[in-house]
Amino acid sequence: MGILNTTPDSFSDGGQHDSPKAALAHADKLLADGAHIIDIGGESTRPGAIPTHIATEIQRTIPVIAALRRRYPSLLLSIDTRHPEVAEAALNAGADIINDITALRHPEMIRLCIERPCGIILMHNLPFEAPLPASELMPGLIRQFFEERLSTLASAGITSNRICLDPGIGFGKRAEHTVEIIRHLEQIRVDNRPILMALSRKRFIGQLLYGKPDPVCTPLPTVILSLLSAEHGADMHRVHDVAALRDALTLKQAIGSA
């Protein structure tokens, strides 16, 4: 999954793709580099980011989605949003997947997903101000969260075969929590659903490497962590640097199938 941020303030690529022309050019590059899905986001969710007005988020994302749908009729497109109004506009413009960092907590997001047969990515998210559990408890708590969400959505008529699970790296978690999540990734899988890892350029990488929580924008650390996640069961990877991870996964597959 290639990341296409149309925001001026995302932590590592803010302002680089915030015009439709620049966004389309970057999407072309992501696809040429081997992306299977393009994930379009119009609101930064980095720590301390100012919430984006819904109309602004729509203005940033919907023209890009519509243009990509015209250019690539069979390409899988994902809208990265927590707002049902944005999600509905994106589906109308041709998006296939709703990637919601709040795991469909908004009742209107549930209603939308009942009405529309889209794919859904549910992300585990802890408030930044919440007290954090011991790191070794985090995988089990994430599993419990997904069990609850899948049960709630099933009761509403949303079947689990539409759903992918994202443990929410960097959202209310310290570096040591992320280490435990990767080590025990298979423990969070519920109902045999695919697991998405979004490790790319996250602040915890700087904490592990250099002792300070800063994003690291070179591809190598993300590639290594993504490969380790794949070894522990990750099915999908949401990344900025698609080509580097594509090559690494291709080599992993070649060696694993020998």
C-alpha atoms as a PDB file:
ATOM      1  CA  MET A   1       0.000   0.000   0.000  1.00  0.00           C
ATOM      2  CA  GLY A   2       1.592   3.239  -1.178  1.00  0.00           C
ATOM      3  CA  ILE A   3       1.035   6.356   0.941  1.00  0.00           C
ATOM      4  CA  LEU A   4      -0.261   9.449  -0.841  1.00  0.00           C
ATOM      5  CA  ASN A   5      -0.575  12.326   1.615  1.00  0.00           C
ATOM      6  CA  THR A   6      -2.237  15.405   0.151  1.00  0.00           C
ATOM      7  CA  THR A   7      -1.594  17.379   3.332  1.00  0.00           C
ATOM      8  CA  PRO A   8       0.674  20.366   3.990  1.00  0.00           C
ATOM      9  CA  ASP A   9       1.627  19.146   7.470  1.00  0.00           C
ATOM     10  CA  SER A  10       2.237  15.381   7.503  1.00  0.00           C
ATOM     11  CA  PHE A  11       5.336  14.588   9.540  1.00  0.00           C
ATOM     12  CA  SER A  12       7.678  13.421   6.756  1.00  0.00           C
ATOM     13  CA  ASP A  13       6.202  14.462   3.412  1.00  0.00           C
ATOM     14  CA  GLY A  14       3.886  17.365   4.211  1.00  0.00           C
ATOM     15  CA  GLY A  15       3.463  19.759   1.313  1.00  0.00           C
ATOM     16  CA  GLN A  16       5.133  17.521  -1.252  1.00  0.00           C
ATOM     17  CA  HIS A  17       1.923  16.237  -2.864  1.00  0.00           C
ATOM     18  CA  ASP A  18      -0.695  18.793  -1.830  1.00  0.00           C
ATOM     19  CA  SER A  19      -1.718  19.786  -5.358  1.00  0.00           C
ATOM     20  CA  PRO A  20      -3.671  17.439  -7.649  1.00  0.00           C
ATOM     21  CA  LYS A  21      -0.872  17.503 -10.242  1.00  0.00           C
ATOM     22  CA  ALA A  22       1.814  16.612  -7.703  1.00  0.00           C
ATOM     23  CA  ALA A  23      -0.414  13.969  -6.096  1.00  0.00           C
ATOM     24  CA  LEU A  24      -1.116  12.259  -9.419  1.00  0.00           C
ATOM     25  CA  ALA A  25       2.558  12.300 -10.338  1.00  0.00           C
ATOM     26  CA  HIS A  26       3.444  10.694  -7.023  1.00  0.00           C
ATOM     27  CA  ALA A  27       0.717   8.076  -7.442  1.00  0.00           C
ATOM     28  CA  ASP A  28       2.181   7.217 -10.849  1.00  0.00           C
ATOM     29  CA  LYS A  29       5.565   6.721  -9.196  1.00  0.00           C
ATOM     30  CA  LEU A  30       4.129   4.575  -6.390  1.00  0.00           C
ATOM     31  CA  LEU A  31       2.490   2.319  -8.959  1.00  0.00           C
ATOM     32  CA  ALA A  32       5.612   2.118 -11.089  1.00  0.00           C
ATOM     33  CA  ASP A  33       7.519   1.142  -7.948  1.00  0.00           C
ATOM     34  CA  GLY A  34       5.126  -1.751  -7.317  1.00  0.00           C
ATOM     35  CA  ALA A  35       2.264  -0.528  -5.127  1.00  0.00           C
ATOM     36  CA  HIS A  36      -0.940  -2.582  -5.273  1.00  0.00           C
ATOM     37  CA  ILE A  37      -3.100  -0.061  -3.385  1.00  0.00           C
ATOM     38  CA  ILE A  38      -2.884   3.731  -3.124  1.00  0.00           C
ATOM     39  CA  ASP A  39      -3.960   5.142   0.260  1.00  0.00           C
ATOM     40  CA  ILE A  40      -4.997   8.799  -0.051  1.00  0.00           C
ATOM     41  CA  GLY A  41      -5.120  10.976   3.061  1.00  0.00           C
ATOM     42  CA  GLY A  42      -6.069  14.611   3.527  1.00  0.00           C
ATOM     43  CA  GLU A  43      -5.608  15.048   7.282  1.00  0.00           C
ATOM     44  CA  SER A  44      -2.377  14.668   9.198  1.00  0.00           C
ATOM     45  CA  THR A  45      -2.638  12.383  12.235  1.00  0.00           C
ATOM     46  CA  ARG A  46       0.855  13.063  13.557  1.00  0.00           C
ATOM     47  CA  PRO A  47       1.133  13.987  17.253  1.00  0.00           C
ATOM     48  CA  GLY A  48       0.111  17.595  17.783  1.00  0.00           C
ATOM     49  CA  ALA A  49      -1.462  18.027  14.350  1.00  0.00           C
ATOM     50  CA  ILE A  50      -4.292  20.549  14.083  1.00  0.00           C
ATOM     51  CA  PRO A  51      -7.588  18.848  13.079  1.00  0.00           C
ATOM     52  CA  THR A  52      -8.528  19.476   9.467  1.00  0.00           C
ATOM     53  CA  HIS A  53     -11.924  20.897   8.533  1.00  0.00           C
ATOM     54  CA  ILE A  54     -14.030  18.299   6.718  1.00  0.00           C
ATOM     55  CA  ALA A  55     -14.538  20.545   3.692  1.00  0.00           C
ATOM     56  CA  THR A  56     -10.778  21.024   3.418  1.00  0.00           C
ATOM     57  CA  GLU A  57     -10.144  17.298   3.669  1.00  0.00           C
ATOM     58  CA  ILE A  58     -12.664  16.672   0.901  1.00  0.00           C
ATOM     59  CA  GLN A  59     -11.087  19.372  -1.259  1.00  0.00           C
ATOM     60  CA  ARG A  60      -7.655  17.802  -0.820  1.00  0.00           C
ATOM     61  CA  THR A  61      -8.603  14.183  -1.523  1.00  0.00           C
ATOM     62  CA  ILE A  62     -11.661  13.820  -3.747  1.00  0.00           C
ATOM     63  CA  PRO A  63     -10.252  15.363  -6.956  1.00  0.00           C
ATOM     64  CA  VAL A  64      -7.220  13.096  -6.624  1.00  0.00           C
ATOM     65  CA  ILE A  65      -9.349   9.982  -6.104  1.00  0.00           C
ATOM     66  CA  ALA A  66     -11.589  10.855  -9.046  1.00  0.00           C
ATOM     67  CA  ALA A  67      -8.587  11.469 -11.308  1.00  0.00           C
ATOM     68  CA  LEU A  68      -6.895   8.229 -10.251  1.00  0.00           C
ATOM     69  CA  ARG A  69     -10.101   6.277 -10.847  1.00  0.00           C
ATOM     70  CA  ARG A  70     -10.297   7.681 -14.384  1.00  0.00           C
ATOM     71  CA  ARG A  71      -6.633   6.969 -15.051  1.00  0.00           C
ATOM     72  CA  TYR A  72      -6.544   3.496 -13.460  1.00  0.00           C
ATOM     73  CA  PRO A  73     -10.016   1.891 -13.620  1.00  0.00           C
ATOM     74  CA  SER A  74      -8.981  -1.314 -11.819  1.00  0.00           C
ATOM     75  CA  LEU A  75      -6.609   0.159  -9.217  1.00  0.00           C
ATOM     76  CA  LEU A  76      -7.533  -0.335  -5.554  1.00  0.00           C
ATOM     77  CA  LEU A  77      -7.932   3.059  -3.888  1.00  0.00           C
ATOM     78  CA  SER A  78      -8.164   3.646  -0.154  1.00  0.00           C
ATOM     79  CA  ILE A  79      -9.316   6.779   1.658  1.00  0.00           C
ATOM     80  CA  ASP A  80      -7.489   7.423   4.925  1.00  0.00           C
ATOM     81  CA  THR A  81     -10.078   9.283   6.997  1.00  0.00           C
ATOM     82  CA  ARG A  82     -11.939   9.266  10.297  1.00  0.00           C
ATOM     83  CA  HIS A  83     -14.840  11.349   8.969  1.00  0.00           C
ATOM     84  CA  PRO A  84     -17.906   9.675   7.436  1.00  0.00           C
ATOM     85  CA  GLU A  85     -18.567  12.685   5.196  1.00  0.00           C
ATOM     86  CA  VAL A  86     -15.120  12.352   3.644  1.00  0.00           C
ATOM     87  CA  ALA A  87     -15.429   8.575   3.369  1.00  0.00           C
ATOM     88  CA  GLU A  88     -18.775   8.828   1.573  1.00  0.00           C
ATOM     89  CA  ALA A  89     -17.460  11.434  -0.863  1.00  0.00           C
ATOM     90  CA  ALA A  90     -14.434   9.227  -1.534  1.00  0.00           C
ATOM     91  CA  LEU A  91     -16.571   6.160  -2.235  1.00  0.00           C
ATOM     92  CA  ASN A  92     -18.701   8.241  -4.582  1.00  0.00           C
ATOM     93  CA  ALA A  93     -15.526   9.338  -6.377  1.00  0.00           C
ATOM     94  CA  GLY A  94     -14.325   5.758  -6.826  1.00  0.00           C
ATOM     95  CA  ALA A  95     -12.528   4.662  -3.655  1.00  0.00           C
ATOM     96  CA  ASP A  96     -12.719   0.970  -2.740  1.00  0.00           C
ATOM     97  CA  ILE A  97     -11.524   0.949   0.885  1.00  0.00           C
ATOM     98  CA  ILE A  98     -12.094   3.030   4.018  1.00  0.00           C
ATOM     99  CA  ASN A  99      -8.980   3.200   6.199  1.00  0.00           C
ATOM    100  CA  ASP A 100     -10.260   4.528   9.532  1.00  0.00           C
ATOM    101  CA  ILE A 101      -7.873   5.225  12.407  1.00  0.00           C
ATOM    102  CA  THR A 102     -10.850   5.198  14.803  1.00  0.00           C
ATOM    103  CA  ALA A 103     -11.988   1.698  13.730  1.00  0.00           C
ATOM    104  CA  LEU A 104     -15.514   2.794  12.730  1.00  0.00           C
ATOM    105  CA  ARG A 105     -16.299   4.320  16.118  1.00  0.00           C
ATOM    106  CA  HIS A 106     -18.517   6.941  14.482  1.00  0.00           C
ATOM    107  CA  PRO A 107     -22.072   5.571  14.054  1.00  0.00           C
ATOM    108  CA  GLU A 108     -22.358   7.233  10.650  1.00  0.00           C
ATOM    109  CA  MET A 109     -19.226   5.433   9.491  1.00  0.00           C
ATOM    110  CA  ILE A 110     -20.874   2.145  10.436  1.00  0.00           C
ATOM    111  CA  ARG A 111     -24.036   3.163   8.591  1.00  0.00           C
ATOM    112  CA  LEU A 112     -22.002   4.009   5.510  1.00  0.00           C
ATOM    113  CA  CYS A 113     -20.215   0.664   5.567  1.00  0.00           C
ATOM    114  CA  ILE A 114     -23.532  -1.157   5.918  1.00  0.00           C
ATOM    115  CA  GLU A 115     -24.841   0.613   2.838  1.00  0.00           C
ATOM    116  CA  ARG A 116     -21.696   0.379   0.708  1.00  0.00           C
ATOM    117  CA  PRO A 117     -19.764  -2.851   0.013  1.00  0.00           C
ATOM    118  CA  CYS A 118     -16.328  -1.320   0.561  1.00  0.00           C
ATOM    119  CA  GLY A 119     -13.251  -2.821   2.152  1.00  0.00           C
ATOM    120  CA  ILE A 120     -12.511  -1.645   5.699  1.00  0.00           C
ATOM    121  CA  ILE A 121      -9.274  -1.180   7.624  1.00  0.00           C
ATOM    122  CA  LEU A 122      -9.766  -1.058  11.393  1.00  0.00           C
ATOM    123  CA  MET A 123      -6.948   0.505  13.384  1.00  0.00           C
ATOM    124  CA  HIS A 124      -6.262   0.132  17.089  1.00  0.00           C
ATOM    125  CA  ASN A 125      -5.811   3.568  18.603  1.00  0.00           C
ATOM    126  CA  LEU A 126      -5.077   4.685  22.162  1.00  0.00           C
ATOM    127  CA  PRO A 127      -5.451   8.360  23.112  1.00  0.00           C
ATOM    128  CA  PHE A 128      -2.058   9.970  23.516  1.00  0.00           C
ATOM    129  CA  GLU A 129      -2.949  11.121  27.014  1.00  0.00           C
ATOM    130  CA  ALA A 130      -4.142   7.682  28.176  1.00  0.00           C
ATOM    131  CA  PRO A 131      -2.021   5.721  30.686  1.00  0.00           C
ATOM    132  CA  LEU A 132      -0.163   3.027  28.804  1.00  0.00           C
ATOM    133  CA  PRO A 133      -0.112  -0.631  29.837  1.00  0.00           C
ATOM    134  CA  ALA A 134       3.032  -2.690  30.244  1.00  0.00           C
ATOM    135  CA  SER A 135       4.527  -3.409  26.844  1.00  0.00           C
ATOM    136  CA  GLU A 136       4.072  -7.183  27.107  1.00  0.00           C
ATOM    137  CA  LEU A 137       0.324  -6.697  27.576  1.00  0.00           C
ATOM    138  CA  MET A 138      -0.177  -4.664  24.413  1.00  0.00           C
ATOM    139  CA  PRO A 139      -0.619  -7.516  21.862  1.00  0.00           C
ATOM    140  CA  GLY A 140      -3.347  -9.102  23.994  1.00  0.00           C
ATOM    141  CA  LEU A 141      -5.119  -5.792  24.491  1.00  0.00           C
ATOM    142  CA  ILE A 142      -5.057  -5.138  20.754  1.00  0.00           C
ATOM    143  CA  ARG A 143      -6.542  -8.567  20.126  1.00  0.00           C
ATOM    144  CA  GLN A 144      -9.330  -7.876  22.627  1.00  0.00           C
ATOM    145  CA  PHE A 145     -10.028  -4.571  20.899  1.00  0.00           C
ATOM    146  CA  PHE A 146     -10.343  -6.263  17.493  1.00  0.00           C
ATOM    147  CA  GLU A 147     -12.541  -9.011  18.903  1.00  0.00           C
ATOM    148  CA  GLU A 148     -14.902  -6.364  20.252  1.00  0.00           C
ATOM    149  CA  ARG A 149     -14.939  -4.356  17.030  1.00  0.00           C
ATOM    150  CA  LEU A 150     -15.543  -7.381  14.804  1.00  0.00           C
ATOM    151  CA  SER A 151     -18.349  -8.561  17.073  1.00  0.00           C
ATOM    152  CA  THR A 152     -19.973  -5.122  17.109  1.00  0.00           C
ATOM    153  CA  LEU A 153     -19.722  -4.748  13.345  1.00  0.00           C
ATOM    154  CA  ALA A 154     -21.001  -8.283  12.741  1.00  0.00           C
ATOM    155  CA  SER A 155     -24.066  -7.425  14.839  1.00  0.00           C
ATOM    156  CA  ALA A 156     -24.599  -4.430  12.549  1.00  0.00           C
ATOM    157  CA  GLY A 157     -24.392  -6.636   9.449  1.00  0.00           C
ATOM    158  CA  ILE A 158     -20.774  -5.963   8.411  1.00  0.00           C
ATOM    159  CA  THR A 159     -19.071  -9.299   7.798  1.00  0.00           C
ATOM    160  CA  SER A 160     -15.439  -9.829   8.746  1.00  0.00           C
ATOM    161  CA  ASN A 161     -14.397 -10.853   5.222  1.00  0.00           C
ATOM    162  CA  ARG A 162     -14.429  -7.135   4.337  1.00  0.00           C
ATOM    163  CA  ILE A 163     -12.052  -6.193   7.140  1.00  0.00           C
ATOM    164  CA  CYS A 164      -8.295  -5.796   7.569  1.00  0.00           C
ATOM    165  CA  LEU A 165      -6.661  -5.217  10.982  1.00  0.00           C
ATOM    166  CA  ASP A 166      -4.065  -2.527  11.710  1.00  0.00           C
ATOM    167  CA  PRO A 167      -2.433  -2.581  15.192  1.00  0.00           C
ATOM    168  CA  GLY A 168      -1.923   1.190  15.018  1.00  0.00           C
ATOM    169  CA  ILE A 169       1.825   1.610  15.297  1.00  0.00           C
ATOM    170  CA  GLY A 170       2.614   5.006  16.803  1.00  0.00           C
ATOM    171  CA  PHE A 171      -0.910   5.713  18.014  1.00  0.00           C
ATOM    172  CA  GLY A 172      -0.725   5.770  21.797  1.00  0.00           C
ATOM    173  CA  LYS A 173       2.231   3.379  21.870  1.00  0.00           C
ATOM    174  CA  ARG A 174       5.877   3.733  22.804  1.00  0.00           C
ATOM    175  CA  ALA A 175       8.790   2.051  21.033  1.00  0.00           C
ATOM    176  CA  GLU A 176       8.786  -0.857  23.473  1.00  0.00           C
ATOM    177  CA  HIS A 177       5.097  -1.500  22.730  1.00  0.00           C
ATOM    178  CA  THR A 178       5.854  -1.652  19.026  1.00  0.00           C
ATOM    179  CA  VAL A 179       8.663  -4.152  19.597  1.00  0.00           C
ATOM    180  CA  GLU A 180       6.243  -6.425  21.461  1.00  0.00           C
ATOM    181  CA  ILE A 181       3.580  -6.003  18.771  1.00  0.00           C
ATOM    182  CA  ILE A 182       5.994  -7.098  16.032  1.00  0.00           C
ATOM    183  CA  ARG A 183       7.321 -10.008  18.093  1.00  0.00           C
ATOM    184  CA  HIS A 184       3.804 -11.293  18.806  1.00  0.00           C
ATOM    185  CA  LEU A 185       1.990 -10.046  15.732  1.00  0.00           C
ATOM    186  CA  GLU A 186       0.165 -13.287  15.045  1.00  0.00           C
ATOM    187  CA  GLN A 187      -1.462 -13.050  18.482  1.00  0.00           C
ATOM    188  CA  ILE A 188      -3.530 -10.043  17.399  1.00  0.00           C
ATOM    189  CA  ARG A 189      -5.080 -11.813  14.402  1.00  0.00           C
ATOM    190  CA  VAL A 190      -8.808 -12.365  14.829  1.00  0.00           C
ATOM    191  CA  ASP A 191     -11.057 -14.474  12.586  1.00  0.00           C
ATOM    192  CA  ASN A 192      -8.150 -15.086  10.206  1.00  0.00           C
ATOM    193  CA  ARG A 193      -8.281 -11.482   8.989  1.00  0.00           C
ATOM    194  CA  PRO A 194      -5.264  -9.944   7.200  1.00  0.00           C
ATOM    195  CA  ILE A 195      -2.947  -7.709   9.200  1.00  0.00           C
ATOM    196  CA  LEU A 196      -1.717  -4.375   7.872  1.00  0.00           C
ATOM    197  CA  MET A 197       1.490  -2.867   9.254  1.00  0.00           C
ATOM    198  CA  ALA A 198       2.051   0.887   8.928  1.00  0.00           C
ATOM    199  CA  LEU A 199       5.631   1.260  10.127  1.00  0.00           C
ATOM    200  CA  SER A 200       6.913   3.688   7.531  1.00  0.00           C
ATOM    201  CA  ARG A 201       8.959   6.617   8.905  1.00  0.00           C
ATOM    202  CA  LYS A 202       7.339   6.336  12.322  1.00  0.00           C
ATOM    203  CA  ARG A 203       8.874   8.186  15.270  1.00  0.00           C
ATOM    204  CA  PHE A 204       9.580   5.013  17.241  1.00  0.00           C
ATOM    205  CA  ILE A 205      12.293   4.113  14.703  1.00  0.00           C
ATOM    206  CA  GLY A 206      14.319   7.138  15.787  1.00  0.00           C
ATOM    207  CA  GLN A 207      13.782   6.125  19.408  1.00  0.00           C
ATOM    208  CA  LEU A 208      15.144   2.627  18.786  1.00  0.00           C
ATOM    209  CA  LEU A 209      18.081   3.800  16.665  1.00  0.00           C
ATOM    210  CA  TYR A 210      19.127   7.072  18.224  1.00  0.00           C
ATOM    211  CA  GLY A 211      17.281   7.364  21.521  1.00  0.00           C
ATOM    212  CA  LYS A 212      14.966  10.171  20.413  1.00  0.00           C
ATOM    213  CA  PRO A 213      11.453   9.884  18.927  1.00  0.00           C
ATOM    214  CA  ASP A 214      12.009  11.397  15.495  1.00  0.00           C
ATOM    215  CA  PRO A 215      10.891  10.079  12.101  1.00  0.00           C
ATOM    216  CA  VAL A 216      13.645   8.424  10.068  1.00  0.00           C
ATOM    217  CA  CYS A 217      13.007   9.077   6.384  1.00  0.00           C
ATOM    218  CA  THR A 218      15.548   6.710   4.816  1.00  0.00           C
ATOM    219  CA  PRO A 219      13.967   3.458   3.556  1.00  0.00           C
ATOM    220  CA  LEU A 220      16.249   0.891   5.232  1.00  0.00           C
ATOM    221  CA  PRO A 221      14.809   0.881   8.791  1.00  0.00           C
ATOM    222  CA  THR A 222      11.234   0.612   7.496  1.00  0.00           C
ATOM    223  CA  VAL A 223      12.256  -2.199   5.128  1.00  0.00           C
ATOM    224  CA  ILE A 224      13.925  -4.180   7.915  1.00  0.00           C
ATOM    225  CA  LEU A 225      10.998  -3.770  10.301  1.00  0.00           C
ATOM    226  CA  SER A 226       8.510  -4.639   7.566  1.00  0.00           C
ATOM    227  CA  LEU A 227      10.421  -7.815   6.728  1.00  0.00           C
ATOM    228  CA  LEU A 228      10.454  -8.774  10.410  1.00  0.00           C
ATOM    229  CA  SER A 229       6.716  -8.086  10.541  1.00  0.00           C
ATOM    230  CA  ALA A 230       6.174 -10.254   7.479  1.00  0.00           C
ATOM    231  CA  GLU A 231       8.060 -13.065   9.219  1.00  0.00           C
ATOM    232  CA  HIS A 232       5.620 -12.738  12.121  1.00  0.00           C
ATOM    233  CA  GLY A 233       2.484 -12.715   9.969  1.00  0.00           C
ATOM    234  CA  ALA A 234       1.960  -9.266   8.399  1.00  0.00           C
ATOM    235  CA  ASP A 235       0.034  -9.518   5.137  1.00  0.00           C
ATOM    236  CA  MET A 236       0.117  -5.899   3.948  1.00  0.00           C
ATOM    237  CA  HIS A 237       2.494  -2.974   4.373  1.00  0.00           C
ATOM    238  CA  ARG A 238       1.598   0.722   4.204  1.00  0.00           C
ATOM    239  CA  VAL A 239       4.793   2.554   3.186  1.00  0.00           C
ATOM    240  CA  HIS A 240       6.186   5.714   1.640  1.00  0.00           C
ATOM    241  CA  ASP A 241       9.095   3.974  -0.137  1.00  0.00           C
ATOM    242  CA  VAL A 242       7.437   1.258  -2.182  1.00  0.00           C
ATOM    243  CA  ALA A 243      10.341   0.195  -4.425  1.00  0.00           C
ATOM    244  CA  ALA A 244      12.707  -0.630  -1.569  1.00  0.00           C
ATOM    245  CA  LEU A 245      10.162  -2.800   0.208  1.00  0.00           C
ATOM    246  CA  ARG A 246       9.037  -4.437  -3.045  1.00  0.00           C
ATOM    247  CA  ASP A 247      12.607  -5.576  -3.721  1.00  0.00           C
ATOM    248  CA  ALA A 248      13.057  -6.822  -0.173  1.00  0.00           C
ATOM    249  CA  LEU A 249       9.799  -8.788  -0.187  1.00  0.00           C
ATOM    250  CA  THR A 250      10.616 -10.225  -3.612  1.00  0.00           C
ATOM    251  CA  LEU A 251      13.951 -11.524  -2.294  1.00  0.00           C
ATOM    252  CA  LYS A 252      12.277 -12.884   0.830  1.00  0.00           C
ATOM    253  CA  GLN A 253       9.776 -14.762  -1.313  1.00  0.00           C
ATOM    254  CA  ALA A 254      12.495 -16.125  -3.606  1.00  0.00           C
ATOM    255  CA  ILE A 255      14.520 -17.471  -0.699  1.00  0.00           C
ATOM    256  CA  GLY A 256      11.477 -18.780   1.119  1.00  0.00           C
ATOM    257  CA  SER A 257      10.236 -20.697  -1.926  1.00  0.00           C
ATOM    258  CA  ALA A 258      13.609 -22.253  -2.758  1.00  0.00           C
END
